[in-house]
C-alpha atoms as a PDB file:
ATOM      1  CA  MET A   1       0.000   0.000   0.000  1.00  0.00           C
ATOM      2  CA  CYS A   2       2.867   2.358   0.789  1.00  0.00           C
ATOM      3  CA  GLU A   3       4.488   1.772  -2.598  1.00  0.00           C
ATOM      4  CA  LEU A   4       1.141   2.370  -4.287  1.00  0.00           C
ATOM      5  CA  LEU A   5       0.718   5.609  -2.331  1.00  0.00           C
ATOM      6  CA  LYS A   6       4.126   6.856  -3.540  1.00  0.00           C
ATOM      7  CA  ILE A   7       3.164   6.539  -7.215  1.00  0.00           C
ATOM      8  CA  GLN A   8      -0.273   8.170  -7.023  1.00  0.00           C
ATOM      9  CA  GLU A   9      -0.389  11.010  -9.553  1.00  0.00           C
ATOM     10  CA  VAL A  10      -3.277  12.970  -8.029  1.00  0.00           C
ATOM     11  CA  GLN A  11      -2.312  16.000  -5.950  1.00  0.00           C
ATOM     12  CA  ILE A  12      -5.143  15.898  -3.406  1.00  0.00           C
ATOM     13  CA  ASP A  13      -4.073  13.905  -0.353  1.00  0.00           C
ATOM     14  CA  SER A  14      -7.489  12.498   0.507  1.00  0.00           C
ATOM     15  CA  LEU A  15      -7.916  11.219  -3.055  1.00  0.00           C
ATOM     16  CA  LYS A  16      -4.468   9.585  -2.981  1.00  0.00           C
ATOM     17  CA  VAL A  17      -5.394   7.671   0.147  1.00  0.00           C
ATOM     18  CA  GLU A  18      -8.846   6.738  -1.148  1.00  0.00           C
ATOM     19  CA  ARG A  19      -7.354   5.379  -4.379  1.00  0.00           C
ATOM     20  CA  VAL A  20      -4.830   3.264  -2.486  1.00  0.00           C
ATOM     21  CA  PHE A  21      -7.583   1.744  -0.363  1.00  0.00           C
ATOM     22  CA  GLU A  22      -9.812   1.212  -3.418  1.00  0.00           C
ATOM     23  CA  GLN A  23      -7.036  -0.484  -5.387  1.00  0.00           C
ATOM     24  CA  SER A  24      -5.460  -2.640  -2.724  1.00  0.00           C
ATOM     25  CA  PHE A  25      -7.490  -2.995   0.447  1.00  0.00           C
ATOM     26  CA  TYR A  26     -11.202  -2.868  -0.386  1.00  0.00           C
ATOM     27  CA  PRO A  27     -10.950  -5.797  -2.839  1.00  0.00           C
ATOM     28  CA  TYR A  28      -9.358  -7.830  -0.035  1.00  0.00           C
ATOM     29  CA  LEU A  29     -12.298  -7.042   2.261  1.00  0.00           C
ATOM     30  CA  GLU A  30     -14.779  -8.588  -0.184  1.00  0.00           C
ATOM     31  CA  ASN A  31     -13.733 -12.046   1.026  1.00  0.00           C
ATOM     32  CA  ILE A  32     -13.826 -11.227   4.758  1.00  0.00           C
ATOM     33  CA  ASP A  33     -16.616 -12.018   7.190  1.00  0.00           C
ATOM     34  CA  PRO A  34     -18.530  -8.708   7.640  1.00  0.00           C
ATOM     35  CA  GLU A  35     -18.245  -9.020  11.434  1.00  0.00           C
ATOM     36  CA  LYS A  36     -14.449  -8.900  11.186  1.00  0.00           C
ATOM     37  CA  ILE A  37     -14.150  -5.960   8.770  1.00  0.00           C
ATOM     38  CA  ASP A  38     -13.919  -3.185  11.413  1.00  0.00           C
ATOM     39  CA  LYS A  39     -11.213  -5.019  13.345  1.00  0.00           C
ATOM     40  CA  ILE A  40      -9.177  -5.712  10.200  1.00  0.00           C
ATOM     41  CA  PHE A  41      -9.636  -2.160   8.924  1.00  0.00           C
ATOM     42  CA  ASN A  42      -8.338  -0.719  12.222  1.00  0.00           C
ATOM     43  CA  LYS A  43      -5.267  -2.992  12.143  1.00  0.00           C
ATOM     44  CA  VAL A  44      -4.438  -2.022   8.560  1.00  0.00           C
ATOM     45  CA  TYR A  45      -5.137   1.701   9.036  1.00  0.00           C
ATOM     46  CA  PHE A  46      -2.942   2.090  12.138  1.00  0.00           C
ATOM     47  CA  ARG A  47      -0.138  -0.188  10.875  1.00  0.00           C
ATOM     48  CA  PHE A  48      -0.192   1.790   7.627  1.00  0.00           C
ATOM     49  CA  GLN A  49       0.518   4.897   9.740  1.00  0.00           C
ATOM     50  CA  ARG A  50       3.351   3.162  11.565  1.00  0.00           C
ATOM     51  CA  ASN A  51       5.033   1.602   8.551  1.00  0.00           C
ATOM     52  CA  CYS A  52       4.505   4.212   5.838  1.00  0.00           C
ATOM     53  CA  PRO A  53       6.080   7.659   6.391  1.00  0.00           C
ATOM     54  CA  GLU A  54       4.257   9.004   3.320  1.00  0.00           C
ATOM     55  CA  PHE A  55       0.891   8.094   4.831  1.00  0.00           C
ATOM     56  CA  ARG A  56       1.857   9.695   8.170  1.00  0.00           C
ATOM     57  CA  ALA A  57       2.889  12.857   6.310  1.00  0.00           C
ATOM     58  CA  ILE A  58      -0.491  12.980   4.555  1.00  0.00           C
ATOM     59  CA  LEU A  59      -2.330  12.559   7.866  1.00  0.00           C
ATOM     60  CA  ASN A  60      -0.215  15.336   9.420  1.00  0.00           C
ATOM     61  CA  ARG A  61      -1.173  17.654   6.567  1.00  0.00           C
ATOM     62  CA  MET A  62      -4.835  16.711   6.764  1.00  0.00           C
ATOM     63  CA  TYR A  63      -4.969  16.806  10.584  1.00  0.00           C
ATOM     64  CA  PRO A  64      -2.100  19.013  11.817  1.00  0.00           C
ATOM     65  CA  PRO A  65      -0.862  18.218  15.355  1.00  0.00           C
ATOM     66  CA  LYS A  66      -2.256  20.555  18.046  1.00  0.00           C
ATOM     67  CA  ASP A  67       1.124  20.858  19.796  1.00  0.00           C
ATOM     68  CA  ASP A  68       4.456  21.949  18.329  1.00  0.00           C
ATOM     69  CA  VAL A  69       5.854  18.989  16.428  1.00  0.00           C
ATOM     70  CA  ALA A  70       8.657  18.989  13.879  1.00  0.00           C
ATOM     71  CA  PHE A  71       9.940  16.323  11.512  1.00  0.00           C
ATOM     72  CA  GLN A  72      13.433  15.923  10.125  1.00  0.00           C
ATOM     73  CA  LYS A  73      15.461  13.334   8.234  1.00  0.00           C
ATOM     74  CA  THR A  74      18.657  13.623  10.295  1.00  0.00           C
ATOM     75  CA  GLU A  75      19.047  12.605  13.909  1.00  0.00           C
ATOM     76  CA  PRO A  76      18.966  15.680  16.160  1.00  0.00           C
ATOM     77  CA  VAL A  77      21.820  16.428  18.560  1.00  0.00           C
ATOM     78  CA  SER A  78      21.160  16.450  22.306  1.00  0.00           C
ATOM     79  CA  GLU A  79      21.985  19.597  24.298  1.00  0.00           C
ATOM     80  CA  MET A  80      21.375  17.918  27.662  1.00  0.00           C
ATOM     81  CA  THR A  81      23.968  18.256  30.401  1.00  0.00           C
ATOM     82  CA  SER A  82      24.680  15.241  32.588  1.00  0.00           C
ATOM     83  CA  SER A  83      22.866  16.855  35.547  1.00  0.00           C
ATOM     84  CA  GLN A  84      19.792  17.645  33.409  1.00  0.00           C
ATOM     85  CA  LEU A  85      19.801  14.078  32.152  1.00  0.00           C
ATOM     86  CA  ALA A  86      20.034  12.765  35.731  1.00  0.00           C
ATOM     87  CA  ASP A  87      16.992  14.915  36.625  1.00  0.00           C
ATOM     88  CA  PHE A  88      15.095  13.541  33.635  1.00  0.00           C
ATOM     89  CA  LYS A  89      15.838   9.968  34.710  1.00  0.00           C
ATOM     90  CA  LYS A  90      14.509  10.687  38.227  1.00  0.00           C
ATOM     91  CA  GLN A  91      11.115  11.836  36.907  1.00  0.00           C
ATOM     92  CA  LYS A  92       8.264   9.372  37.413  1.00  0.00           C
ATOM     93  CA  ARG A  93       5.409  11.268  35.717  1.00  0.00           C
ATOM     94  CA  PHE A  94       5.111  13.175  32.453  1.00  0.00           C
ATOM     95  CA  THR A  95       2.407  14.242  30.041  1.00  0.00           C
ATOM     96  CA  TYR A  96       2.338  14.780  26.298  1.00  0.00           C
ATOM     97  CA  LYS A  97      -0.258  15.936  23.816  1.00  0.00           C
ATOM     98  CA  GLU A  98      -1.798  13.637  21.258  1.00  0.00           C
ATOM     99  CA  VAL A  99      -2.211  14.881  17.687  1.00  0.00           C
ATOM    100  CA  ASP A 100      -5.757  16.034  18.527  1.00  0.00           C
ATOM    101  CA  GLY A 101      -4.555  17.970  21.605  1.00  0.00           C
ATOM    102  CA  GLU A 102      -5.744  15.486  24.235  1.00  0.00           C
ATOM    103  CA  VAL A 103      -3.304  15.035  27.118  1.00  0.00           C
ATOM    104  CA  THR A 104      -1.843  11.600  27.820  1.00  0.00           C
ATOM    105  CA  GLU A 105      -0.253  10.906  31.202  1.00  0.00           C
ATOM    106  CA  VAL A 106       2.939   8.851  31.441  1.00  0.00           C
ATOM    107  CA  GLU A 107       3.919   6.845  34.497  1.00  0.00           C
ATOM    108  CA  LEU A 108       7.412   5.372  34.820  1.00  0.00           C
ATOM    109  CA  LYS A 109       7.855   2.455  37.190  1.00  0.00           C
ATOM    110  CA  ASN A 110       9.877  -0.758  37.276  1.00  0.00           C
ATOM    111  CA  ASP A 111      11.487  -0.097  33.871  1.00  0.00           C
ATOM    112  CA  GLN A 112       8.062   0.365  32.322  1.00  0.00           C
ATOM    113  CA  TRP A 113       6.584   3.334  30.485  1.00  0.00           C
ATOM    114  CA  ILE A 114       2.812   3.306  30.980  1.00  0.00           C
ATOM    115  CA  ASP A 115       0.604   5.642  28.958  1.00  0.00           C
ATOM    116  CA  HIS A 116      -2.728   6.542  30.590  1.00  0.00           C
ATOM    117  CA  PHE A 117      -5.108   7.920  27.963  1.00  0.00           C
ATOM    118  CA  ILE A 118      -8.042  10.262  28.475  1.00  0.00           C
ATOM    119  CA  ASP A 119     -10.509   7.463  27.643  1.00  0.00           C
ATOM    120  CA  GLN A 120      -9.209   5.428  30.634  1.00  0.00           C
ATOM    121  CA  THR A 121      -7.240   3.005  28.422  1.00  0.00           C
ATOM    122  CA  PHE A 122      -3.514   2.292  28.727  1.00  0.00           C
ATOM    123  CA  SER A 123      -0.381   1.124  26.947  1.00  0.00           C
ATOM    124  CA  LYS A 124       2.552  -0.642  28.582  1.00  0.00           C
ATOM    125  CA  LEU A 125       6.057  -0.531  27.163  1.00  0.00           C
ATOM    126  CA  ARG A 126       9.425  -1.692  28.483  1.00  0.00           C
ATOM    127  CA  LEU A 127      11.905   1.179  28.887  1.00  0.00           C
ATOM    128  CA  GLU A 128      15.600   0.489  28.347  1.00  0.00           C
ATOM    129  CA  TRP A 129      18.356   3.100  28.222  1.00  0.00           C
ATOM    130  CA  ILE A 130      20.600   2.335  25.232  1.00  0.00           C
ATOM    131  CA  SER A 131      22.981   5.298  25.619  1.00  0.00           C
ATOM    132  CA  ASP A 132      23.307   8.424  27.767  1.00  0.00           C
ATOM    133  CA  HIS A 133      20.633  10.354  25.850  1.00  0.00           C
ATOM    134  CA  LYS A 134      18.650   7.560  24.169  1.00  0.00           C
ATOM    135  CA  PHE A 135      16.143   5.055  25.406  1.00  0.00           C
ATOM    136  CA  GLN A 136      14.152   2.380  23.663  1.00  0.00           C
ATOM    137  CA  LEU A 137      10.513   1.584  24.307  1.00  0.00           C
ATOM    138  CA  THR A 138       9.426  -1.945  23.456  1.00  0.00           C
ATOM    139  CA  PHE A 139       5.685  -2.417  23.123  1.00  0.00           C
ATOM    140  CA  ILE A 140       4.176  -4.921  25.559  1.00  0.00           C
ATOM    141  CA  ASP A 141       0.398  -4.459  25.588  1.00  0.00           C
ATOM    142  CA  SER A 142      -2.436  -1.944  25.214  1.00  0.00           C
ATOM    143  CA  ASN A 143      -6.194  -1.793  25.443  1.00  0.00           C
ATOM    144  CA  ASN A 144      -6.254   1.512  23.528  1.00  0.00           C
ATOM    145  CA  LEU A 145      -7.744   1.205  20.027  1.00  0.00           C
ATOM    146  CA  SER A 146      -5.052   3.135  18.162  1.00  0.00           C
ATOM    147  CA  ARG A 147      -2.031   1.926  20.160  1.00  0.00           C
ATOM    148  CA  SER A 148      -3.048  -1.758  20.126  1.00  0.00           C
ATOM    149  CA  ASN A 149      -3.281  -1.604  16.337  1.00  0.00           C
ATOM    150  CA  PHE A 150      -0.315   0.713  15.736  1.00  0.00           C
ATOM    151  CA  SER A 151       2.149  -1.479  17.650  1.00  0.00           C
ATOM    152  CA  PHE A 152       2.496  -5.210  18.101  1.00  0.00           C
ATOM    153  CA  PRO A 153       4.295  -6.850  21.047  1.00  0.00           C
ATOM    154  CA  GLY A 154       8.043  -6.466  20.532  1.00  0.00           C
ATOM    155  CA  ASP A 155       7.840  -3.373  18.283  1.00  0.00           C
ATOM    156  CA  LYS A 156      10.506  -0.840  19.217  1.00  0.00           C
ATOM    157  CA  ILE A 157      10.643   2.950  19.158  1.00  0.00           C
ATOM    158  CA  ILE A 158      13.791   4.959  19.935  1.00  0.00           C
ATOM    159  CA  TYR A 159      13.618   8.220  21.909  1.00  0.00           C
ATOM    160  CA  LYS A 160      16.367  10.788  22.433  1.00  0.00           C
ATOM    161  CA  VAL A 161      16.273  13.478  25.124  1.00  0.00           C
ATOM    162  CA  LEU A 162      17.343  16.687  23.367  1.00  0.00           C
ATOM    163  CA  ALA A 163      16.887  19.618  25.757  1.00  0.00           C
ATOM    164  CA  LYS A 164      15.261  20.829  28.943  1.00  0.00           C
ATOM    165  CA  LYS A 165      13.008  23.853  28.526  1.00  0.00           C
ATOM    166  CA  GLU A 166      10.617  25.743  30.811  1.00  0.00           C
ATOM    167  CA  GLY A 167       8.066  23.081  31.840  1.00  0.00           C
ATOM    168  CA  TYR A 168       9.015  20.398  29.350  1.00  0.00           C
ATOM    169  CA  TYR A 169      11.725  18.309  27.758  1.00  0.00           C
ATOM    170  CA  LEU A 170      12.262  18.252  24.038  1.00  0.00           C
ATOM    171  CA  LEU A 171      12.549  14.701  22.680  1.00  0.00           C
ATOM    172  CA  SER A 172      12.896  13.046  19.328  1.00  0.00           C
ATOM    173  CA  VAL A 173      11.214   9.782  18.431  1.00  0.00           C
ATOM    174  CA  ASN A 174      12.193   7.400  15.671  1.00  0.00           C
ATOM    175  CA  ILE A 175      10.307   4.274  14.660  1.00  0.00           C
ATOM    176  CA  GLU A 176      12.698   1.361  14.327  1.00  0.00           C
ATOM    177  CA  GLY A 177      13.851   0.966  10.730  1.00  0.00           C
ATOM    178  CA  GLN A 178      12.750   4.413   9.522  1.00  0.00           C
ATOM    179  CA  GLU A 179      14.728   7.522   8.672  1.00  0.00           C
ATOM    180  CA  GLU A 180      12.432  10.187  10.090  1.00  0.00           C
ATOM    181  CA  PHE A 181      12.692  11.872  13.483  1.00  0.00           C
ATOM    182  CA  GLU A 182       9.708  13.526  15.107  1.00  0.00           C
ATOM    183  CA  ILE A 183      10.547  16.195  17.683  1.00  0.00           C
ATOM    184  CA  PHE A 184       7.936  16.757  20.398  1.00  0.00           C
ATOM    185  CA  LYS A 185       7.415  18.082  23.934  1.00  0.00           C
ATOM    186  CA  LEU A 186       7.277  15.820  26.991  1.00  0.00           C
ATOM    187  CA  TYR A 187       5.930  17.893  29.880  1.00  0.00           C
ATOM    188  CA  PHE A 188       7.117  17.254  33.417  1.00  0.00           C
ATOM    189  CA  LEU A 189       4.931  17.583  36.492  1.00  0.00           C
END
């Protein structure tokens, strides 16, 4: 689907996406039990976001993030001092804003990163520091619709702590195997 999206000649993003689904996914659904279609659609839609940077870029244009987010192709450099990094590692609670502006709470305990979403769902990930400024989150489990379809157990995402600002840390996130870095704010409490 991602390769098909790259070669679409139409300029309107929504039409590009619709054509990809019409050409590749909807025909597949014709042979699926109607009761399973929603579940399969959600899996494909969220995995498409995870695995296809072009699709994520289209969604970001169609639905711009409500918080400051930047994207770049090169890995950003950390400005963190060792004492700032030590303070970051002592934190047990953070928040961040979802694309739609909703606030997600983060709890760190026992080498786990636990997202608590506004709809009372959660995601659990294993946190492992892989260098002074970088940590890896490995997906364990979630009962959140988007997260449970976006990530499968064992999927990894790399984070880098870039800077401490007034009320938040600046981090980059990189999905394993991709060459794009998203820079976002992780607020401390």
